[in-house]
């Protein structure tokens, strides 16, 4: 578990049409339609592909967060944050490590 430095992912400000897959096992995780610019420095999505992502309570570093992992292989993806006020249908921000993703164009 870890993360790359903010702003370093090629997918941070990348908005091509396609699907983001797990870099570890190839499972489809996010569709490009759900990606948005949150300004956080990592790829952000407001929803995942159904049944592709698992959520776990994460109390590391003195914070209460929700960790997300690939449901198929268990690879760490990042964290979900709720209620930040972004104009998205779910009111969620999936802050995803770019290194955990592999993009497949349409």
C-alpha atoms as a PDB file:
ATOM      1  CA  UNK A   1       0.000   0.000   0.000  1.00  0.00           C
ATOM      2  CA  UNK A   2       1.260   3.381  -0.935  1.00  0.00           C
ATOM      3  CA  UNK A   3       0.863   6.211  -3.385  1.00  0.00           C
ATOM      4  CA  UNK A   4       2.808   8.094  -5.997  1.00  0.00           C
ATOM      5  CA  UNK A   5       3.503  11.815  -5.516  1.00  0.00           C
ATOM      6  CA  UNK A   6       0.548  14.122  -6.223  1.00  0.00           C
ATOM      7  CA  UNK A   7       0.422  15.304  -9.822  1.00  0.00           C
ATOM      8  CA  UNK A   8       2.836  12.662 -11.109  1.00  0.00           C
ATOM      9  CA  UNK A   9       0.356  10.230 -12.711  1.00  0.00           C
ATOM     10  CA  UNK A  10      -0.099  10.349 -16.471  1.00  0.00           C
ATOM     11  CA  UNK A  11      -3.818   9.777 -15.757  1.00  0.00           C
ATOM     12  CA  UNK A  12      -4.220  12.793 -13.438  1.00  0.00           C
ATOM     13  CA  UNK A  13      -5.282  15.203 -16.209  1.00  0.00           C
ATOM     14  CA  UNK A  14      -6.085  12.569 -18.822  1.00  0.00           C
ATOM     15  CA  UNK A  15      -9.615  12.564 -20.283  1.00  0.00           C
ATOM     16  CA  UNK A  16      -9.711  10.132 -23.212  1.00  0.00           C
ATOM     17  CA  UNK A  17     -12.720   7.831 -23.791  1.00  0.00           C
ATOM     18  CA  UNK A  18     -12.238   4.311 -22.546  1.00  0.00           C
ATOM     19  CA  UNK A  19     -11.946   2.103 -19.486  1.00  0.00           C
ATOM     20  CA  UNK A  20      -9.507   2.154 -16.585  1.00  0.00           C
ATOM     21  CA  UNK A  21      -8.459  -1.351 -15.587  1.00  0.00           C
ATOM     22  CA  UNK A  22      -6.576  -2.762 -12.635  1.00  0.00           C
ATOM     23  CA  UNK A  23      -2.861  -2.715 -13.480  1.00  0.00           C
ATOM     24  CA  UNK A  24      -2.453  -5.930 -11.496  1.00  0.00           C
ATOM     25  CA  UNK A  25      -5.108  -8.189 -13.011  1.00  0.00           C
ATOM     26  CA  UNK A  26      -6.871  -6.324 -15.838  1.00  0.00           C
ATOM     27  CA  UNK A  27     -10.314  -6.084 -14.193  1.00  0.00           C
ATOM     28  CA  UNK A  28     -12.385  -3.134 -15.424  1.00  0.00           C
ATOM     29  CA  UNK A  29     -12.643  -0.657 -12.533  1.00  0.00           C
ATOM     30  CA  UNK A  30     -13.757   2.741 -13.865  1.00  0.00           C
ATOM     31  CA  UNK A  31     -15.315   4.122 -17.045  1.00  0.00           C
ATOM     32  CA  UNK A  32     -13.984   7.403 -18.421  1.00  0.00           C
ATOM     33  CA  UNK A  33     -17.456   8.995 -18.110  1.00  0.00           C
ATOM     34  CA  UNK A  34     -17.091   8.906 -14.309  1.00  0.00           C
ATOM     35  CA  UNK A  35     -13.698  10.662 -14.221  1.00  0.00           C
ATOM     36  CA  UNK A  36     -13.573  14.303 -13.152  1.00  0.00           C
ATOM     37  CA  UNK A  37     -11.055  16.993 -12.235  1.00  0.00           C
ATOM     38  CA  UNK A  38     -11.065  17.205  -8.444  1.00  0.00           C
ATOM     39  CA  UNK A  39      -7.794  19.120  -8.207  1.00  0.00           C
ATOM     40  CA  UNK A  40      -6.429  16.584  -5.711  1.00  0.00           C
ATOM     41  CA  UNK A  41      -3.414  15.561  -7.816  1.00  0.00           C
ATOM     42  CA  UNK A  42      -4.559  11.984  -8.470  1.00  0.00           C
ATOM     43  CA  UNK A  43      -7.080  10.515 -10.908  1.00  0.00           C
ATOM     44  CA  UNK A  44     -10.583  11.037  -9.476  1.00  0.00           C
ATOM     45  CA  UNK A  45     -13.794   9.191 -10.287  1.00  0.00           C
ATOM     46  CA  UNK A  46     -17.289   9.527  -8.837  1.00  0.00           C
ATOM     47  CA  UNK A  47     -18.271   5.865  -9.280  1.00  0.00           C
ATOM     48  CA  UNK A  48     -16.740   2.495 -10.082  1.00  0.00           C
ATOM     49  CA  UNK A  49     -17.839  -0.314 -12.375  1.00  0.00           C
ATOM     50  CA  UNK A  50     -20.438  -2.339 -10.411  1.00  0.00           C
ATOM     51  CA  UNK A  51     -18.918  -5.102  -8.264  1.00  0.00           C
ATOM     52  CA  UNK A  52     -15.331  -4.181  -9.229  1.00  0.00           C
ATOM     53  CA  UNK A  53     -14.169  -2.384  -6.075  1.00  0.00           C
ATOM     54  CA  UNK A  54     -14.239  -3.315  -2.391  1.00  0.00           C
ATOM     55  CA  UNK A  55     -14.266  -0.839   0.486  1.00  0.00           C
ATOM     56  CA  UNK A  56     -12.568  -1.186   3.856  1.00  0.00           C
ATOM     57  CA  UNK A  57     -12.301   1.089   6.883  1.00  0.00           C
ATOM     58  CA  UNK A  58      -8.802   2.562   7.074  1.00  0.00           C
ATOM     59  CA  UNK A  59      -7.739   4.277  10.297  1.00  0.00           C
ATOM     60  CA  UNK A  60      -4.049   4.614   9.423  1.00  0.00           C
ATOM     61  CA  UNK A  61      -2.103   7.836   9.977  1.00  0.00           C
ATOM     62  CA  UNK A  62      -4.644   9.002  12.575  1.00  0.00           C
ATOM     63  CA  UNK A  63      -7.354   9.516   9.943  1.00  0.00           C
ATOM     64  CA  UNK A  64     -10.684   7.793   9.336  1.00  0.00           C
ATOM     65  CA  UNK A  65     -10.869   6.931   5.638  1.00  0.00           C
ATOM     66  CA  UNK A  66     -12.315   4.310   3.319  1.00  0.00           C
ATOM     67  CA  UNK A  67      -9.714   2.304   1.406  1.00  0.00           C
ATOM     68  CA  UNK A  68     -10.640   0.888  -1.993  1.00  0.00           C
ATOM     69  CA  UNK A  69      -9.148  -2.257  -3.510  1.00  0.00           C
ATOM     70  CA  UNK A  70      -9.684  -4.293  -6.663  1.00  0.00           C
ATOM     71  CA  UNK A  71     -12.310  -6.889  -5.801  1.00  0.00           C
ATOM     72  CA  UNK A  72     -10.658  -9.467  -8.043  1.00  0.00           C
ATOM     73  CA  UNK A  73      -7.008  -9.331  -6.920  1.00  0.00           C
ATOM     74  CA  UNK A  74      -7.092  -7.175  -3.765  1.00  0.00           C
ATOM     75  CA  UNK A  75      -4.706  -4.572  -5.172  1.00  0.00           C
ATOM     76  CA  UNK A  76      -4.740  -1.226  -3.343  1.00  0.00           C
ATOM     77  CA  UNK A  77      -6.379   1.495  -5.456  1.00  0.00           C
ATOM     78  CA  UNK A  78      -6.661   4.463  -3.118  1.00  0.00           C
ATOM     79  CA  UNK A  79      -9.456   5.942  -0.991  1.00  0.00           C
ATOM     80  CA  UNK A  80     -13.066   7.145  -1.288  1.00  0.00           C
ATOM     81  CA  UNK A  81     -14.115  10.470   0.190  1.00  0.00           C
ATOM     82  CA  UNK A  82     -17.760  11.508   0.610  1.00  0.00           C
ATOM     83  CA  UNK A  83     -19.547  14.797   1.049  1.00  0.00           C
ATOM     84  CA  UNK A  84     -16.884  17.111  -0.344  1.00  0.00           C
ATOM     85  CA  UNK A  85     -19.409  19.066  -2.409  1.00  0.00           C
ATOM     86  CA  UNK A  86     -18.246  18.136  -5.906  1.00  0.00           C
ATOM     87  CA  UNK A  87     -21.102  18.366  -8.445  1.00  0.00           C
ATOM     88  CA  UNK A  88     -21.241  14.630  -9.114  1.00  0.00           C
ATOM     89  CA  UNK A  89     -24.219  12.234  -8.989  1.00  0.00           C
ATOM     90  CA  UNK A  90     -22.787  10.207  -6.073  1.00  0.00           C
ATOM     91  CA  UNK A  91     -21.195  12.949  -3.932  1.00  0.00           C
ATOM     92  CA  UNK A  92     -18.099  10.710  -3.799  1.00  0.00           C
ATOM     93  CA  UNK A  93     -14.500  11.119  -4.913  1.00  0.00           C
ATOM     94  CA  UNK A  94     -12.552   7.952  -5.599  1.00  0.00           C
ATOM     95  CA  UNK A  95      -8.976   9.201  -5.267  1.00  0.00           C
ATOM     96  CA  UNK A  96      -7.072   6.520  -7.177  1.00  0.00           C
ATOM     97  CA  UNK A  97      -3.346   5.900  -7.476  1.00  0.00           C
ATOM     98  CA  UNK A  98      -2.450   6.206 -11.140  1.00  0.00           C
ATOM     99  CA  UNK A  99       0.064   3.352 -10.831  1.00  0.00           C
ATOM    100  CA  UNK A 100      -2.805   0.994  -9.962  1.00  0.00           C
ATOM    101  CA  UNK A 101      -4.557   1.740 -13.278  1.00  0.00           C
ATOM    102  CA  UNK A 102      -4.087   0.791 -16.907  1.00  0.00           C
ATOM    103  CA  UNK A 103      -6.144   2.684 -19.491  1.00  0.00           C
ATOM    104  CA  UNK A 104      -7.769   0.960 -22.452  1.00  0.00           C
ATOM    105  CA  UNK A 105      -9.152   3.318 -25.131  1.00  0.00           C
ATOM    106  CA  UNK A 106     -12.578   2.736 -26.727  1.00  0.00           C
END
